[in-house]
PDB file of N, CA and C in Angstrom:
ATOM      1  N   MET A   1      30.944  24.340  -1.036  1.00  0.00           N
ATOM      2  CA  MET A   1      30.482  23.291  -0.150  1.00  0.00           C
ATOM      3  C   MET A   1      28.949  23.290  -0.145  1.00  0.00           C
ATOM      4  N   VAL A   2      28.379  22.152  -0.381  1.00  0.00           N
ATOM      5  CA  VAL A   2      26.926  22.010  -0.436  1.00  0.00           C
ATOM      6  C   VAL A   2      26.408  21.731   0.965  1.00  0.00           C
ATOM      7  N   LEU A   3      25.473  22.550   1.420  1.00  0.00           N
ATOM      8  CA  LEU A   3      24.950  22.396   2.775  1.00  0.00           C
ATOM      9  C   LEU A   3      23.656  21.607   2.833  1.00  0.00           C
ATOM     10  N   VAL A   4      22.995  21.409   1.700  1.00  0.00           N
ATOM     11  CA  VAL A   4      21.726  20.677   1.682  1.00  0.00           C
ATOM     12  C   VAL A   4      21.747  19.671   0.543  1.00  0.00           C
ATOM     13  N   ASP A   5      20.904  18.655   0.679  1.00  0.00           N
ATOM     14  CA  ASP A   5      20.689  17.725  -0.426  1.00  0.00           C
ATOM     15  C   ASP A   5      19.564  18.310  -1.272  1.00  0.00           C
ATOM     16  N   LYS A   6      19.900  18.738  -2.465  1.00  0.00           N
ATOM     17  CA  LYS A   6      18.963  19.514  -3.280  1.00  0.00           C
ATOM     18  C   LYS A   6      17.755  18.702  -3.745  1.00  0.00           C
ATOM     19  N   LYS A   7      17.934  17.403  -3.990  1.00  0.00           N
ATOM     20  CA  LYS A   7      16.802  16.586  -4.446  1.00  0.00           C
ATOM     21  C   LYS A   7      15.763  16.427  -3.343  1.00  0.00           C
ATOM     22  N   ILE A   8      16.215  16.161  -2.135  1.00  0.00           N
ATOM     23  CA  ILE A   8      15.278  16.011  -1.022  1.00  0.00           C
ATOM     24  C   ILE A   8      14.614  17.344  -0.710  1.00  0.00           C
ATOM     25  N   LEU A   9      15.385  18.423  -0.773  1.00  0.00           N
ATOM     26  CA  LEU A   9      14.830  19.755  -0.519  1.00  0.00           C
ATOM     27  C   LEU A   9      13.756  20.101  -1.546  1.00  0.00           C
ATOM     28  N   ALA A  10      14.023  19.823  -2.816  1.00  0.00           N
ATOM     29  CA  ALA A  10      13.035  20.125  -3.869  1.00  0.00           C
ATOM     30  C   ALA A  10      11.772  19.290  -3.681  1.00  0.00           C
ATOM     31  N   GLY A  11      11.931  18.020  -3.356  1.00  0.00           N
ATOM     32  CA  GLY A  11      10.762  17.177  -3.110  1.00  0.00           C
ATOM     33  C   GLY A  11       9.957  17.648  -1.915  1.00  0.00           C
ATOM     34  N   GLY A  12      10.644  18.070  -0.861  1.00  0.00           N
ATOM     35  CA  GLY A  12       9.948  18.562   0.326  1.00  0.00           C
ATOM     36  C   GLY A  12       9.194  19.847   0.064  1.00  0.00           C
ATOM     37  N   VAL A  13       9.828  20.777  -0.647  1.00  0.00           N
ATOM     38  CA  VAL A  13       9.157  22.044  -0.971  1.00  0.00           C
ATOM     39  C   VAL A  13       7.947  21.789  -1.860  1.00  0.00           C
ATOM     40  N   LEU A  14       8.088  20.862  -2.803  1.00  0.00           N
ATOM     41  CA  LEU A  14       6.969  20.517  -3.682  1.00  0.00           C
ATOM     42  C   LEU A  14       5.815  19.913  -2.884  1.00  0.00           C
ATOM     43  N   MET A  15       6.124  19.007  -1.948  1.00  0.00           N
ATOM     44  CA  MET A  15       5.067  18.391  -1.152  1.00  0.00           C
ATOM     45  C   MET A  15       4.383  19.407  -0.238  1.00  0.00           C
ATOM     46  N   VAL A  16       5.144  20.317   0.334  1.00  0.00           N
ATOM     47  CA  VAL A  16       4.541  21.351   1.185  1.00  0.00           C
ATOM     48  C   VAL A  16       3.613  22.233   0.364  1.00  0.00           C
ATOM     49  N   SER A  17       4.056  22.634  -0.810  1.00  0.00           N
ATOM     50  CA  SER A  17       3.220  23.528  -1.629  1.00  0.00           C
ATOM     51  C   SER A  17       1.962  22.815  -2.118  1.00  0.00           C
ATOM     52  N   VAL A  18       2.075  21.558  -2.520  1.00  0.00           N
ATOM     53  CA  VAL A  18       0.889  20.809  -2.968  1.00  0.00           C
ATOM     54  C   VAL A  18      -0.075  20.606  -1.804  1.00  0.00           C
ATOM     55  N   GLY A  19       0.457  20.258  -0.640  1.00  0.00           N
ATOM     56  CA  GLY A  19      -0.397  20.055   0.525  1.00  0.00           C
ATOM     57  C   GLY A  19      -1.134  21.315   0.926  1.00  0.00           C
ATOM     58  N   LEU A  20      -0.436  22.448   0.918  1.00  0.00           N
ATOM     59  CA  LEU A  20      -1.094  23.700   1.281  1.00  0.00           C
ATOM     60  C   LEU A  20      -2.114  24.137   0.233  1.00  0.00           C
ATOM     61  N   ALA A  21      -1.804  23.904  -1.039  1.00  0.00           N
ATOM     62  CA  ALA A  21      -2.771  24.249  -2.097  1.00  0.00           C
ATOM     63  C   ALA A  21      -4.036  23.407  -1.961  1.00  0.00           C
ATOM     64  N   LEU A  22      -3.864  22.117  -1.666  1.00  0.00           N
ATOM     65  CA  LEU A  22      -5.036  21.263  -1.465  1.00  0.00           C
ATOM     66  C   LEU A  22      -5.836  21.692  -0.237  1.00  0.00           C
ATOM     67  N   LEU A  23      -5.141  22.055   0.826  1.00  0.00           N
ATOM     68  CA  LEU A  23      -5.840  22.521   2.030  1.00  0.00           C
ATOM     69  C   LEU A  23      -6.656  23.780   1.755  1.00  0.00           C
ATOM     70  N   LEU A  24      -6.063  24.730   1.043  1.00  0.00           N
ATOM     71  CA  LEU A  24      -6.797  25.956   0.719  1.00  0.00           C
ATOM     72  C   LEU A  24      -8.012  25.666  -0.148  1.00  0.00           C
ATOM     73  N   ASN A  25      -7.858  24.784  -1.118  1.00  0.00           N
ATOM     74  CA  ASN A  25      -8.969  24.442  -2.004  1.00  0.00           C
ATOM     75  C   ASN A  25     -10.078  23.716  -1.240  1.00  0.00           C
ATOM     76  N   LEU A  26      -9.700  22.777  -0.379  1.00  0.00           N
ATOM     77  CA  LEU A  26     -10.713  22.019   0.360  1.00  0.00           C
ATOM     78  C   LEU A  26     -11.432  22.895   1.393  1.00  0.00           C
ATOM     79  N   ASN A  27     -10.699  23.797   2.022  1.00  0.00           N
ATOM     80  CA  ASN A  27     -11.338  24.660   3.014  1.00  0.00           C
ATOM     81  C   ASN A  27     -12.275  25.680   2.375  1.00  0.00           C
ATOM     82  N   SER A  28     -12.005  26.059   1.134  1.00  0.00           N
ATOM     83  CA  SER A  28     -12.893  27.017   0.478  1.00  0.00           C
ATOM     84  C   SER A  28     -14.151  26.351  -0.076  1.00  0.00           C
ATOM     85  N   SER A  29     -14.133  25.042  -0.219  1.00  0.00           N
ATOM     86  CA  SER A  29     -15.296  24.343  -0.784  1.00  0.00           C
ATOM     87  C   SER A  29     -15.965  23.427   0.234  1.00  0.00           C
ATOM     88  N   THR A  30     -16.022  23.842   1.490  1.00  0.00           N
ATOM     89  CA  THR A  30     -16.667  23.046   2.525  1.00  0.00           C
ATOM     90  C   THR A  30     -18.178  23.034   2.308  1.00  0.00           C
ATOM     91  N   PRO A  31     -18.801  21.851   2.282  1.00  0.00           N
ATOM     92  CA  PRO A  31     -20.263  21.802   2.095  1.00  0.00           C
ATOM     93  C   PRO A  31     -20.994  22.370   3.320  1.00  0.00           C
ATOM     94  N   ILE A  32     -22.016  23.167   3.039  1.00  0.00           N
ATOM     95  CA  ILE A  32     -22.780  23.845   4.089  1.00  0.00           C
ATOM     96  C   ILE A  32     -24.253  23.491   3.936  1.00  0.00           C
ATOM     97  N   GLY A  33     -24.906  23.281   5.049  1.00  0.00           N
ATOM     98  CA  GLY A  33     -26.323  22.930   5.032  1.00  0.00           C
ATOM     99  C   GLY A  33     -27.219  24.139   4.845  1.00  0.00           C
ATOM    100  N   GLN A  34     -28.493  23.849   4.589  1.00  0.00           N
ATOM    101  CA  GLN A  34     -29.499  24.893   4.402  1.00  0.00           C
ATOM    102  C   GLN A  34     -30.665  24.619   5.336  1.00  0.00           C
ATOM    103  N   ALA A  35     -31.535  25.591   5.466  1.00  0.00           N
ATOM    104  CA  ALA A  35     -32.733  25.407   6.282  1.00  0.00           C
ATOM    105  C   ALA A  35     -33.722  24.513   5.537  1.00  0.00           C
ATOM    106  N   ASP A  36     -34.561  23.830   6.282  1.00  0.00           N
ATOM    107  CA  ASP A  36     -35.623  22.956   5.737  1.00  0.00           C
ATOM    108  C   ASP A  36     -35.058  21.841   4.864  1.00  0.00           C
ATOM    109  N   MET A  37     -34.037  21.151   5.344  1.00  0.00           N
ATOM    110  CA  MET A  37     -33.474  20.013   4.602  1.00  0.00           C
ATOM    111  C   MET A  37     -34.179  18.739   5.040  1.00  0.00           C
ATOM    112  N   THR A  38     -34.344  17.826   4.100  1.00  0.00           N
ATOM    113  CA  THR A  38     -34.930  16.525   4.430  1.00  0.00           C
ATOM    114  C   THR A  38     -33.850  15.658   5.072  1.00  0.00           C
ATOM    115  N   GLN A  39     -34.282  14.531   5.640  1.00  0.00           N
ATOM    116  CA  GLN A  39     -33.326  13.647   6.298  1.00  0.00           C
ATOM    117  C   GLN A  39     -32.320  13.070   5.305  1.00  0.00           C
ATOM    118  N   ALA A  40     -32.742  12.788   4.103  1.00  0.00           N
ATOM    119  CA  ALA A  40     -31.824  12.274   3.077  1.00  0.00           C
ATOM    120  C   ALA A  40     -30.778  13.328   2.708  1.00  0.00           C
ATOM    121  N   GLN A  41     -31.202  14.566   2.623  1.00  0.00           N
ATOM    122  CA  GLN A  41     -30.258  15.644   2.322  1.00  0.00           C
ATOM    123  C   GLN A  41     -29.280  15.863   3.472  1.00  0.00           C
ATOM    124  N   ILE A  42     -29.773  15.728   4.702  1.00  0.00           N
ATOM    125  CA  ILE A  42     -28.905  15.876   5.872  1.00  0.00           C
ATOM    126  C   ILE A  42     -27.855  14.768   5.896  1.00  0.00           C
ATOM    127  N   ASP A  43     -28.286  13.546   5.605  1.00  0.00           N
ATOM    128  CA  ASP A  43     -27.342  12.423   5.569  1.00  0.00           C
ATOM    129  C   ASP A  43     -26.297  12.613   4.479  1.00  0.00           C
ATOM    130  N   ASP A  44     -26.730  13.092   3.322  1.00  0.00           N
ATOM    131  CA  ASP A  44     -25.793  13.353   2.221  1.00  0.00           C
ATOM    132  C   ASP A  44     -24.811  14.466   2.588  1.00  0.00           C
ATOM    133  N   LEU A  45     -25.318  15.511   3.265  1.00  0.00           N
ATOM    134  CA  LEU A  45     -24.455  16.613   3.694  1.00  0.00           C
ATOM    135  C   LEU A  45     -23.415  16.137   4.700  1.00  0.00           C
ATOM    136  N   LEU A  46     -23.824  15.314   5.665  1.00  0.00           N
ATOM    137  CA  LEU A  46     -22.883  14.807   6.658  1.00  0.00           C
ATOM    138  C   LEU A  46     -21.813  13.933   6.010  1.00  0.00           C
ATOM    139  N   ALA A  47     -22.203  13.139   5.010  1.00  0.00           N
ATOM    140  CA  ALA A  47     -21.228  12.306   4.307  1.00  0.00           C
ATOM    141  C   ALA A  47     -20.227  13.167   3.534  1.00  0.00           C
ATOM    142  N   LYS A  48     -20.719  14.228   2.887  1.00  0.00           N
ATOM    143  CA  LYS A  48     -19.825  15.129   2.147  1.00  0.00           C
ATOM    144  C   LYS A  48     -18.889  15.885   3.090  1.00  0.00           C
ATOM    145  N   GLN A  49     -19.404  16.302   4.252  1.00  0.00           N
ATOM    146  CA  GLN A  49     -18.552  16.995   5.217  1.00  0.00           C
ATOM    147  C   GLN A  49     -17.469  16.072   5.768  1.00  0.00           C
ATOM    148  N   GLN A  50     -17.817  14.819   6.025  1.00  0.00           N
ATOM    149  CA  GLN A  50     -16.826  13.866   6.515  1.00  0.00           C
ATOM    150  C   GLN A  50     -15.768  13.578   5.454  1.00  0.00           C
ATOM    151  N   GLU A  51     -16.197  13.466   4.199  1.00  0.00           N
ATOM    152  CA  GLU A  51     -15.254  13.244   3.106  1.00  0.00           C
ATOM    153  C   GLU A  51     -14.303  14.433   2.952  1.00  0.00           C
ATOM    154  N   ASN A  52     -14.835  15.642   3.077  1.00  0.00           N
ATOM    155  CA  ASN A  52     -14.012  16.844   2.985  1.00  0.00           C
ATOM    156  C   ASN A  52     -13.006  16.887   4.143  1.00  0.00           C
ATOM    157  N   LYS A  53     -13.447  16.508   5.333  1.00  0.00           N
ATOM    158  CA  LYS A  53     -12.553  16.486   6.488  1.00  0.00           C
ATOM    159  C   LYS A  53     -11.434  15.462   6.295  1.00  0.00           C
ATOM    160  N   ASN A  54     -11.777  14.296   5.756  1.00  0.00           N
ATOM    161  CA  ASN A  54     -10.767  13.262   5.512  1.00  0.00           C
ATOM    162  C   ASN A  54      -9.735  13.721   4.487  1.00  0.00           C
ATOM    163  N   TYR A  55     -10.189  14.367   3.425  1.00  0.00           N
ATOM    164  CA  TYR A  55      -9.250  14.879   2.419  1.00  0.00           C
ATOM    165  C   TYR A  55      -8.377  15.993   3.000  1.00  0.00           C
ATOM    166  N   SER A  56      -8.953  16.803   3.883  1.00  0.00           N
ATOM    167  CA  SER A  56      -8.166  17.861   4.524  1.00  0.00           C
ATOM    168  C   SER A  56      -7.079  17.259   5.414  1.00  0.00           C
ATOM    169  N   ASN A  57      -7.425  16.201   6.140  1.00  0.00           N
ATOM    170  CA  ASN A  57      -6.426  15.515   6.960  1.00  0.00           C
ATOM    171  C   ASN A  57      -5.308  14.948   6.093  1.00  0.00           C
ATOM    172  N   LEU A  58      -5.663  14.357   4.969  1.00  0.00           N
ATOM    173  CA  LEU A  58      -4.670  13.784   4.065  1.00  0.00           C
ATOM    174  C   LEU A  58      -3.760  14.868   3.484  1.00  0.00           C
ATOM    175  N   ALA A  59      -4.338  15.990   3.099  1.00  0.00           N
ATOM    176  CA  ALA A  59      -3.534  17.097   2.566  1.00  0.00           C
ATOM    177  C   ALA A  59      -2.616  17.659   3.645  1.00  0.00           C
ATOM    178  N   GLY A  60      -3.085  17.718   4.880  1.00  0.00           N
ATOM    179  CA  GLY A  60      -2.235  18.161   5.985  1.00  0.00           C
ATOM    180  C   GLY A  60      -1.079  17.215   6.224  1.00  0.00           C
ATOM    181  N   MET A  61      -1.324  15.924   6.087  1.00  0.00           N
ATOM    182  CA  MET A  61      -0.243  14.943   6.237  1.00  0.00           C
ATOM    183  C   MET A  61       0.789  15.081   5.122  1.00  0.00           C
ATOM    184  N   VAL A  62       0.335  15.334   3.912  1.00  0.00           N
ATOM    185  CA  VAL A  62       1.267  15.530   2.793  1.00  0.00           C
ATOM    186  C   VAL A  62       2.145  16.750   3.056  1.00  0.00           C
ATOM    187  N   ALA A  63       1.539  17.831   3.521  1.00  0.00           N
ATOM    188  CA  ALA A  63       2.315  19.033   3.827  1.00  0.00           C
ATOM    189  C   ALA A  63       3.282  18.778   4.982  1.00  0.00           C
ATOM    190  N   GLY A  64       2.855  18.007   5.972  1.00  0.00           N
ATOM    191  CA  GLY A  64       3.718  17.696   7.108  1.00  0.00           C
ATOM    192  C   GLY A  64       4.913  16.841   6.717  1.00  0.00           C
ATOM    193  N   VAL A  65       4.690  15.840   5.885  1.00  0.00           N
ATOM    194  CA  VAL A  65       5.799  15.000   5.414  1.00  0.00           C
ATOM    195  C   VAL A  65       6.749  15.824   4.554  1.00  0.00           C
ATOM    196  N   GLY A  66       6.200  16.719   3.750  1.00  0.00           N
ATOM    197  CA  GLY A  66       7.054  17.605   2.953  1.00  0.00           C
ATOM    198  C   GLY A  66       7.918  18.485   3.833  1.00  0.00           C
ATOM    199  N   PHE A  67       7.343  18.998   4.923  1.00  0.00           N
ATOM    200  CA  PHE A  67       8.120  19.821   5.846  1.00  0.00           C
ATOM    201  C   PHE A  67       9.228  19.011   6.499  1.00  0.00           C
ATOM    202  N   LEU A  68       8.927  17.769   6.855  1.00  0.00           N
ATOM    203  CA  LEU A  68       9.968  16.901   7.416  1.00  0.00           C
ATOM    204  C   LEU A  68      11.078  16.643   6.405  1.00  0.00           C
ATOM    205  N   LEU A  69      10.720  16.475   5.139  1.00  0.00           N
ATOM    206  CA  LEU A  69      11.743  16.282   4.107  1.00  0.00           C
ATOM    207  C   LEU A  69      12.629  17.519   3.969  1.00  0.00           C
ATOM    208  N   VAL A  70      12.026  18.697   4.095  1.00  0.00           N
ATOM    209  CA  VAL A  70      12.829  19.926   4.044  1.00  0.00           C
ATOM    210  C   VAL A  70      13.818  19.940   5.203  1.00  0.00           C
ATOM    211  N   LEU A  71      13.372  19.573   6.390  1.00  0.00           N
ATOM    212  CA  LEU A  71      14.271  19.545   7.534  1.00  0.00           C
ATOM    213  C   LEU A  71      15.352  18.484   7.378  1.00  0.00           C
ATOM    214  N   ILE A  72      14.980  17.328   6.855  1.00  0.00           N
ATOM    215  CA  ILE A  72      15.944  16.246   6.666  1.00  0.00           C
ATOM    216  C   ILE A  72      16.991  16.632   5.635  1.00  0.00           C
ATOM    217  N   SER A  73      16.607  17.423   4.649  1.00  0.00           N
ATOM    218  CA  SER A  73      17.543  17.771   3.579  1.00  0.00           C
ATOM    219  C   SER A  73      18.742  18.554   4.106  1.00  0.00           C
ATOM    220  N   PHE A  74      18.579  19.239   5.240  1.00  0.00           N
ATOM    221  CA  PHE A  74      19.705  19.982   5.792  1.00  0.00           C
ATOM    222  C   PHE A  74      20.715  19.071   6.482  1.00  0.00           C
ATOM    223  N   GLY A  75      20.292  17.878   6.866  1.00  0.00           N
ATOM    224  CA  GLY A  75      21.216  16.960   7.521  1.00  0.00           C
ATOM    225  C   GLY A  75      21.634  15.806   6.648  1.00  0.00           C
ATOM    226  N   ALA A  76      21.148  15.753   5.419  1.00  0.00           N
ATOM    227  CA  ALA A  76      21.406  14.605   4.553  1.00  0.00           C
ATOM    228  C   ALA A  76      22.456  14.919   3.498  1.00  0.00           C
ATOM    229  N   ARG A  77      23.537  15.550   3.907  1.00  0.00           N
ATOM    230  CA  ARG A  77      24.597  15.863   2.957  1.00  0.00           C
ATOM    231  C   ARG A  77      25.336  14.597   2.579  1.00  0.00           C
ATOM    232  N   ARG A  78      25.735  14.540   1.355  1.00  0.00           N
ATOM    233  CA  ARG A  78      26.553  13.424   0.903  1.00  0.00           C
ATOM    234  C   ARG A  78      28.004  13.739   1.211  1.00  0.00           C
ATOM    235  N   LYS A  79      28.677  12.769   1.764  1.00  0.00           N
ATOM    236  CA  LYS A  79      30.084  12.975   2.096  1.00  0.00           C
ATOM    237  C   LYS A  79      30.930  12.350   1.007  1.00  0.00           C
ATOM    238  N   ARG A  80      31.870  13.103   0.536  1.00  0.00           N
ATOM    239  CA  ARG A  80      32.727  12.620  -0.538  1.00  0.00           C
ATOM    240  C   ARG A  80      33.921  11.886   0.049  1.00  0.00           C
ATOM    241  N   GLY A  81      34.173  10.715  -0.453  1.00  0.00           N
ATOM    242  CA  GLY A  81      35.332   9.950  -0.022  1.00  0.00           C
ATOM    243  C   GLY A  81      35.068   9.146   1.238  1.00  0.00           C
ATOM    244  N   GLY A  82      34.400   9.705   2.180  1.00  0.00           N
ATOM    245  CA  GLY A  82      34.105   9.016   3.423  1.00  0.00           C
ATOM    246  C   GLY A  82      35.313   8.961   4.335  1.00  0.00           C
ATOM    247  N   ALA A  83      35.097   8.516   5.524  1.00  0.00           N
ATOM    248  CA  ALA A  83      36.178   8.406   6.497  1.00  0.00           C
ATOM    249  C   ALA A  83      36.934   7.109   6.246  1.00  0.00           C
ATOM    250  N   LYS A  84      38.234   7.195   6.279  1.00  0.00           N
ATOM    251  CA  LYS A  84      39.065   6.018   6.073  1.00  0.00           C
ATOM    252  C   LYS A  84      39.306   5.354   7.429  1.00  0.00           C
ATOM    253  N   PRO A  85      39.192   4.029   7.486  1.00  0.00           N
ATOM    254  CA  PRO A  85      39.425   3.351   8.762  1.00  0.00           C
ATOM    255  C   PRO A  85      40.900   3.439   9.154  1.00  0.00           C
ATOM    256  N   VAL A  86      41.128   3.632  10.429  1.00  0.00           N
ATOM    257  CA  VAL A  86      42.485   3.748  10.947  1.00  0.00           C
ATOM    258  C   VAL A  86      42.935   2.380  11.419  1.00  0.00           C
ATOM    259  N   GLU A  87      44.056   1.943  10.910  1.00  0.00           N
ATOM    260  CA  GLU A  87      44.596   0.648  11.323  1.00  0.00           C
ATOM    261  C   GLU A  87      45.653   0.871  12.386  1.00  0.00           C
ATOM    262  N   LYS A  88      45.521   0.142  13.480  1.00  0.00           N
ATOM    263  CA  LYS A  88      46.479   0.266  14.564  1.00  0.00           C
ATOM    264  C   LYS A  88      47.392  -0.954  14.554  1.00  0.00           C
ATOM    265  N   ASP A  89      48.689  -0.698  14.699  1.00  0.00           N
ATOM    266  CA  ASP A  89      49.662  -1.786  14.730  1.00  0.00           C
ATOM    267  C   ASP A  89      49.895  -2.279  16.149  1.00  0.00           C
ATOM    268  N   GLN A  90      49.522  -1.485  17.125  1.00  0.00           N
ATOM    269  CA  GLN A  90      49.785  -1.859  18.501  1.00  0.00           C
ATOM    270  C   GLN A  90      48.679  -2.736  19.052  1.00  0.00           C
ATOM    271  N   LYS A  91      49.074  -3.616  19.926  1.00  0.00           N
ATOM    272  CA  LYS A  91      48.131  -4.496  20.589  1.00  0.00           C
ATOM    273  C   LYS A  91      47.532  -3.740  21.777  1.00  0.00           C
ATOM    274  N   PRO A  92      46.232  -3.818  22.012  1.00  0.00           N
ATOM    275  CA  PRO A  92      45.653  -3.119  23.155  1.00  0.00           C
ATOM    276  C   PRO A  92      46.182  -3.706  24.475  1.00  0.00           C
ATOM    277  N   LYS A  93      46.291  -2.835  25.465  1.00  0.00           N
ATOM    278  CA  LYS A  93      46.812  -3.265  26.767  1.00  0.00           C
ATOM    279  C   LYS A  93      45.783  -4.104  27.477  1.00  0.00           C
ATOM    280  N   ASP A  94      46.265  -5.091  28.188  1.00  0.00           N
ATOM    281  CA  ASP A  94      45.394  -5.926  29.011  1.00  0.00           C
ATOM    282  C   ASP A  94      45.411  -5.342  30.418  1.00  0.00           C
ATOM    283  N   PHE A  95      44.305  -4.901  30.906  1.00  0.00           N
ATOM    284  CA  PHE A  95      44.250  -4.233  32.196  1.00  0.00           C
ATOM    285  C   PHE A  95      44.369  -5.204  33.373  1.00  0.00           C
ATOM    286  N   ASN A  96      44.226  -6.487  33.119  1.00  0.00           N
ATOM    287  CA  ASN A  96      44.346  -7.466  34.195  1.00  0.00           C
ATOM    288  C   ASN A  96      45.794  -7.680  34.598  1.00  0.00           C
ATOM    289  N   GLU A  97      46.758  -7.363  33.749  1.00  0.00           N
ATOM    290  CA  GLU A  97      48.166  -7.611  34.038  1.00  0.00           C
ATOM    291  C   GLU A  97      48.790  -6.503  34.868  1.00  0.00           C
ATOM    292  N   ILE A  98      48.142  -5.397  35.019  1.00  0.00           N
ATOM    293  CA  ILE A  98      48.731  -4.256  35.730  1.00  0.00           C
ATOM    294  C   ILE A  98      48.747  -4.449  37.205  1.00  0.00           C
TER     295      ILE A  98
END
């Protein structure tokens, strides 16, 4: 008996690992300022820091969606055959006649 949907699980694990790898890479390469910087250098540094923060947010979202896919894979089992509809031959009772 299969308890998980393997395709969704594999995709989720892949997304989590890619997201975490990107987060580790981006956090290790954070731009840092130096003493005696000109205003142009400060503006460039702030732009690079904001870009790094945006990419970190995006990588975190990828990892989060991957984690959700892993959780969904445990509830997304395929059912074989499906439930067959039950046909009733009896007419339902009318409660107004009682």
